[in-house]
Amino acid sequence: MRLVLSLLALTALVVAPLSAAEKRAYPYFASIRASKARMRNGPGRNFPASWLYVRPDLPVRVLGAFKEWRKIEDPGGTIGWMQGNLLSDDRTAIVLSSEATLHAAPEAGAKILYRAAPGVVGRLSKCARGWCLFDAHGRVGYVEANRLWGVEPTEALP
């Protein structure tokens, strides 16, 4: 009887459904959810913290996972580990090294609505053909994806 119960328990472990993070292909973009989030040198609280992020919505690239920990890369190229519950699937991006123009339509000749300085973070949607709808605290317009970190230039988002 014990053998049967042990085999059933082992089978349940083997066929247990994977979490959403484990099903996902790496790398993928996410954002920091928490107002304070520590990056650590390894996947556990016993590893020293290397950075303290105090900027919610900052985009990160998730490179891998170990249990509830995610190996991430920040826009500056720093790599470390962060607890998965500090991250969000909300897509955000940060303006790269030079100013980005927000246009009324996804084309270079469209009316310029706003200009975003390097370091501005905004939410992404409707990415297609190298353009993304970028919302920086209510200032919304289309930006060329290659001006942003947090989205691949050829990526499509609904």
C-alpha atoms as a PDB file:
ATOM      1  CA  MET A   1       0.000   0.000   0.000  1.00  0.00           C
ATOM      2  CA  ARG A   2       2.813   2.423   0.874  1.00  0.00           C
ATOM      3  CA  LEU A   3       4.492   1.611  -2.407  1.00  0.00           C
ATOM      4  CA  VAL A   4       1.303   2.427  -4.335  1.00  0.00           C
ATOM      5  CA  LEU A   5       0.864   5.741  -2.464  1.00  0.00           C
ATOM      6  CA  SER A   6       4.522   6.627  -3.032  1.00  0.00           C
ATOM      7  CA  LEU A   7       4.198   5.901  -6.752  1.00  0.00           C
ATOM      8  CA  LEU A   8       1.020   7.991  -6.958  1.00  0.00           C
ATOM      9  CA  ALA A   9       2.739  10.902  -5.192  1.00  0.00           C
ATOM     10  CA  LEU A  10       5.750  10.619  -7.483  1.00  0.00           C
ATOM     11  CA  THR A  11       3.493  10.521 -10.542  1.00  0.00           C
ATOM     12  CA  ALA A  12       1.665  13.635  -9.324  1.00  0.00           C
ATOM     13  CA  LEU A  13       4.990  15.438  -9.021  1.00  0.00           C
ATOM     14  CA  VAL A  14       6.057  14.401 -12.506  1.00  0.00           C
ATOM     15  CA  VAL A  15       2.808  15.419 -14.216  1.00  0.00           C
ATOM     16  CA  ALA A  16       2.159  18.545 -12.121  1.00  0.00           C
ATOM     17  CA  PRO A  17       1.379  21.499 -14.371  1.00  0.00           C
ATOM     18  CA  LEU A  18       4.182  23.952 -15.010  1.00  0.00           C
ATOM     19  CA  SER A  19       3.810  27.506 -13.769  1.00  0.00           C
ATOM     20  CA  ALA A  20       3.343  30.264 -16.344  1.00  0.00           C
ATOM     21  CA  ALA A  21       6.971  31.357 -15.904  1.00  0.00           C
ATOM     22  CA  GLU A  22       8.251  27.834 -16.545  1.00  0.00           C
ATOM     23  CA  LYS A  23       6.153  27.494 -19.738  1.00  0.00           C
ATOM     24  CA  ARG A  24       7.461  30.730 -21.204  1.00  0.00           C
ATOM     25  CA  ALA A  25      10.362  30.872 -23.632  1.00  0.00           C
ATOM     26  CA  TYR A  26      13.369  32.871 -22.482  1.00  0.00           C
ATOM     27  CA  PRO A  27      14.304  35.616 -22.810  1.00  0.00           C
ATOM     28  CA  TYR A  28      11.191  37.776 -22.494  1.00  0.00           C
ATOM     29  CA  PHE A  29      10.508  41.306 -21.287  1.00  0.00           C
ATOM     30  CA  ALA A  30       8.712  42.162 -18.057  1.00  0.00           C
ATOM     31  CA  SER A  31       8.708  45.145 -15.703  1.00  0.00           C
ATOM     32  CA  ILE A  32       9.373  45.791 -12.030  1.00  0.00           C
ATOM     33  CA  ARG A  33       6.100  45.806 -10.091  1.00  0.00           C
ATOM     34  CA  ALA A  34       7.329  46.836  -6.646  1.00  0.00           C
ATOM     35  CA  SER A  35       8.306  50.324  -5.483  1.00  0.00           C
ATOM     36  CA  LYS A  36      11.420  48.750  -3.945  1.00  0.00           C
ATOM     37  CA  ALA A  37      12.970  45.640  -5.466  1.00  0.00           C
ATOM     38  CA  ARG A  38      16.330  44.059  -4.714  1.00  0.00           C
ATOM     39  CA  MET A  39      18.489  42.366  -7.297  1.00  0.00           C
ATOM     40  CA  ARG A  40      20.607  39.635  -5.746  1.00  0.00           C
ATOM     41  CA  ASN A  41      23.752  37.786  -6.799  1.00  0.00           C
ATOM     42  CA  GLY A  42      21.934  34.457  -6.692  1.00  0.00           C
ATOM     43  CA  PRO A  43      18.434  32.935  -6.486  1.00  0.00           C
ATOM     44  CA  GLY A  44      17.752  33.266  -2.774  1.00  0.00           C
ATOM     45  CA  ARG A  45      17.538  35.742   0.089  1.00  0.00           C
ATOM     46  CA  ASN A  46      20.786  34.345   1.457  1.00  0.00           C
ATOM     47  CA  PHE A  47      22.652  35.889  -1.515  1.00  0.00           C
ATOM     48  CA  PRO A  48      23.815  39.494  -1.136  1.00  0.00           C
ATOM     49  CA  ALA A  49      21.805  42.266  -2.770  1.00  0.00           C
ATOM     50  CA  SER A  50      23.674  43.981  -5.574  1.00  0.00           C
ATOM     51  CA  TRP A  51      21.081  46.659  -6.466  1.00  0.00           C
ATOM     52  CA  LEU A  52      17.995  48.257  -4.962  1.00  0.00           C
ATOM     53  CA  TYR A  53      15.547  49.432  -7.615  1.00  0.00           C
ATOM     54  CA  VAL A  54      13.115  52.177  -6.586  1.00  0.00           C
ATOM     55  CA  ARG A  55      11.543  52.701  -9.996  1.00  0.00           C
ATOM     56  CA  PRO A  56       8.358  50.717 -10.580  1.00  0.00           C
ATOM     57  CA  ASP A  57       7.608  49.935 -14.242  1.00  0.00           C
ATOM     58  CA  LEU A  58      11.302  49.791 -15.172  1.00  0.00           C
ATOM     59  CA  PRO A  59      11.577  47.218 -17.973  1.00  0.00           C
ATOM     60  CA  VAL A  60      13.727  44.131 -17.453  1.00  0.00           C
ATOM     61  CA  ARG A  61      14.607  41.147 -19.624  1.00  0.00           C
ATOM     62  CA  VAL A  62      13.916  37.809 -17.921  1.00  0.00           C
ATOM     63  CA  LEU A  63      16.685  35.376 -18.854  1.00  0.00           C
ATOM     64  CA  GLY A  64      15.728  32.333 -16.783  1.00  0.00           C
ATOM     65  CA  ALA A  65      14.071  31.028 -13.634  1.00  0.00           C
ATOM     66  CA  PHE A  66      14.860  28.953 -10.569  1.00  0.00           C
ATOM     67  CA  LYS A  67      11.840  28.205  -8.388  1.00  0.00           C
ATOM     68  CA  GLU A  68      10.268  31.601  -7.528  1.00  0.00           C
ATOM     69  CA  TRP A  69      13.379  33.536  -8.615  1.00  0.00           C
ATOM     70  CA  ARG A  70      13.950  35.150 -11.997  1.00  0.00           C
ATOM     71  CA  LYS A  71      17.319  35.870 -13.561  1.00  0.00           C
ATOM     72  CA  ILE A  72      16.984  39.340 -15.070  1.00  0.00           C
ATOM     73  CA  GLU A  73      18.898  41.943 -17.023  1.00  0.00           C
ATOM     74  CA  ASP A  74      18.206  45.641 -16.495  1.00  0.00           C
ATOM     75  CA  PRO A  75      18.433  48.337 -19.207  1.00  0.00           C
ATOM     76  CA  GLY A  76      22.049  49.041 -18.210  1.00  0.00           C
ATOM     77  CA  GLY A  77      23.069  45.421 -18.800  1.00  0.00           C
ATOM     78  CA  THR A  78      23.364  44.433 -15.129  1.00  0.00           C
ATOM     79  CA  ILE A  79      22.362  40.796 -14.568  1.00  0.00           C
ATOM     80  CA  GLY A  80      21.145  39.299 -11.303  1.00  0.00           C
ATOM     81  CA  TRP A  81      18.263  37.541  -9.573  1.00  0.00           C
ATOM     82  CA  MET A  82      14.938  38.937  -8.370  1.00  0.00           C
ATOM     83  CA  GLN A  83      11.908  37.325  -6.749  1.00  0.00           C
ATOM     84  CA  GLY A  84       9.227  36.677  -9.342  1.00  0.00           C
ATOM     85  CA  ASN A  85       6.498  38.370  -7.286  1.00  0.00           C
ATOM     86  CA  LEU A  86       8.372  41.689  -7.664  1.00  0.00           C
ATOM     87  CA  LEU A  87       7.913  41.520 -11.445  1.00  0.00           C
ATOM     88  CA  SER A  88       4.909  42.161 -13.662  1.00  0.00           C
ATOM     89  CA  ASP A  89       3.993  40.966 -17.156  1.00  0.00           C
ATOM     90  CA  ASP A  90       3.006  44.574 -17.976  1.00  0.00           C
ATOM     91  CA  ARG A  91       5.106  45.693 -20.922  1.00  0.00           C
ATOM     92  CA  THR A  92       7.053  48.875 -20.461  1.00  0.00           C
ATOM     93  CA  ALA A  93      10.042  50.420 -22.182  1.00  0.00           C
ATOM     94  CA  ILE A  94      12.639  53.081 -21.502  1.00  0.00           C
ATOM     95  CA  VAL A  95      13.838  55.676 -23.995  1.00  0.00           C
ATOM     96  CA  LEU A  96      17.432  54.945 -24.977  1.00  0.00           C
ATOM     97  CA  SER A  97      20.366  57.340 -25.190  1.00  0.00           C
ATOM     98  CA  SER A  98      18.739  60.111 -27.251  1.00  0.00           C
ATOM     99  CA  GLU A  99      15.373  61.833 -27.427  1.00  0.00           C
ATOM    100  CA  ALA A 100      12.423  59.919 -28.896  1.00  0.00           C
ATOM    101  CA  THR A 101       9.546  61.583 -30.708  1.00  0.00           C
ATOM    102  CA  LEU A 102       5.969  60.463 -30.087  1.00  0.00           C
ATOM    103  CA  HIS A 103       3.944  60.642 -33.296  1.00  0.00           C
ATOM    104  CA  ALA A 104       0.186  60.737 -33.937  1.00  0.00           C
ATOM    105  CA  ALA A 105       0.470  57.682 -36.231  1.00  0.00           C
ATOM    106  CA  PRO A 106       3.019  54.891 -36.685  1.00  0.00           C
ATOM    107  CA  GLU A 107       4.992  56.599 -39.454  1.00  0.00           C
ATOM    108  CA  ALA A 108       7.964  58.958 -39.568  1.00  0.00           C
ATOM    109  CA  GLY A 109       6.050  61.742 -41.346  1.00  0.00           C
ATOM    110  CA  ALA A 110       3.162  61.807 -38.857  1.00  0.00           C
ATOM    111  CA  LYS A 111       2.546  64.822 -36.645  1.00  0.00           C
ATOM    112  CA  ILE A 112       4.885  64.972 -33.638  1.00  0.00           C
ATOM    113  CA  LEU A 113       2.893  65.088 -30.412  1.00  0.00           C
ATOM    114  CA  TYR A 114       5.607  64.938 -27.754  1.00  0.00           C
ATOM    115  CA  ARG A 115       9.310  64.418 -27.247  1.00  0.00           C
ATOM    116  CA  ALA A 116      10.593  62.011 -24.589  1.00  0.00           C
ATOM    117  CA  ALA A 117      14.026  62.474 -23.031  1.00  0.00           C
ATOM    118  CA  PRO A 118      16.424  59.578 -22.452  1.00  0.00           C
ATOM    119  CA  GLY A 119      15.401  57.616 -19.374  1.00  0.00           C
ATOM    120  CA  VAL A 120      11.653  58.213 -19.693  1.00  0.00           C
ATOM    121  CA  VAL A 121       9.680  55.037 -18.948  1.00  0.00           C
ATOM    122  CA  GLY A 122       6.280  54.320 -20.458  1.00  0.00           C
ATOM    123  CA  ARG A 123       3.817  51.512 -21.078  1.00  0.00           C
ATOM    124  CA  LEU A 124       3.779  49.731 -24.422  1.00  0.00           C
ATOM    125  CA  SER A 125       0.955  48.485 -26.611  1.00  0.00           C
ATOM    126  CA  LYS A 126       0.120  48.017 -30.286  1.00  0.00           C
ATOM    127  CA  CYS A 127       3.645  47.249 -31.506  1.00  0.00           C
ATOM    128  CA  ALA A 128       3.895  46.373 -35.198  1.00  0.00           C
ATOM    129  CA  ARG A 129       6.226  47.034 -38.126  1.00  0.00           C
ATOM    130  CA  GLY A 130       8.844  48.721 -35.921  1.00  0.00           C
ATOM    131  CA  TRP A 131       6.510  51.129 -34.094  1.00  0.00           C
ATOM    132  CA  CYS A 132       4.912  50.966 -30.622  1.00  0.00           C
ATOM    133  CA  LEU A 133       2.204  52.968 -28.916  1.00  0.00           C
ATOM    134  CA  PHE A 134       4.046  54.460 -25.926  1.00  0.00           C
ATOM    135  CA  ASP A 135       2.225  55.948 -22.918  1.00  0.00           C
ATOM    136  CA  ALA A 136       4.464  58.046 -20.661  1.00  0.00           C
ATOM    137  CA  HIS A 137       2.163  59.166 -17.833  1.00  0.00           C
ATOM    138  CA  GLY A 138      -0.702  60.096 -20.145  1.00  0.00           C
ATOM    139  CA  ARG A 139       1.386  61.467 -22.973  1.00  0.00           C
ATOM    140  CA  VAL A 140       0.665  58.941 -25.698  1.00  0.00           C
ATOM    141  CA  GLY A 141       2.094  58.531 -29.164  1.00  0.00           C
ATOM    142  CA  TYR A 142       3.817  56.146 -31.533  1.00  0.00           C
ATOM    143  CA  VAL A 143       7.574  55.683 -31.118  1.00  0.00           C
ATOM    144  CA  GLU A 144       9.993  53.779 -33.287  1.00  0.00           C
ATOM    145  CA  ALA A 145      10.774  50.557 -31.428  1.00  0.00           C
ATOM    146  CA  ASN A 146      14.516  50.908 -32.054  1.00  0.00           C
ATOM    147  CA  ARG A 147      14.488  54.048 -29.841  1.00  0.00           C
ATOM    148  CA  LEU A 148      13.345  51.959 -26.841  1.00  0.00           C
ATOM    149  CA  TRP A 149      14.745  49.261 -24.554  1.00  0.00           C
ATOM    150  CA  GLY A 150      12.065  46.793 -23.525  1.00  0.00           C
ATOM    151  CA  VAL A 151      10.834  45.657 -26.922  1.00  0.00           C
ATOM    152  CA  GLU A 152      12.508  43.974 -29.874  1.00  0.00           C
ATOM    153  CA  PRO A 153      12.429  46.108 -33.063  1.00  0.00           C
ATOM    154  CA  THR A 154      10.506  43.404 -34.965  1.00  0.00           C
ATOM    155  CA  GLU A 155       8.227  42.368 -32.086  1.00  0.00           C
ATOM    156  CA  ALA A 156       4.441  42.594 -32.399  1.00  0.00           C
ATOM    157  CA  LEU A 157       2.191  43.340 -29.419  1.00  0.00           C
ATOM    158  CA  PRO A 158      -1.603  43.538 -29.442  1.00  0.00           C
END
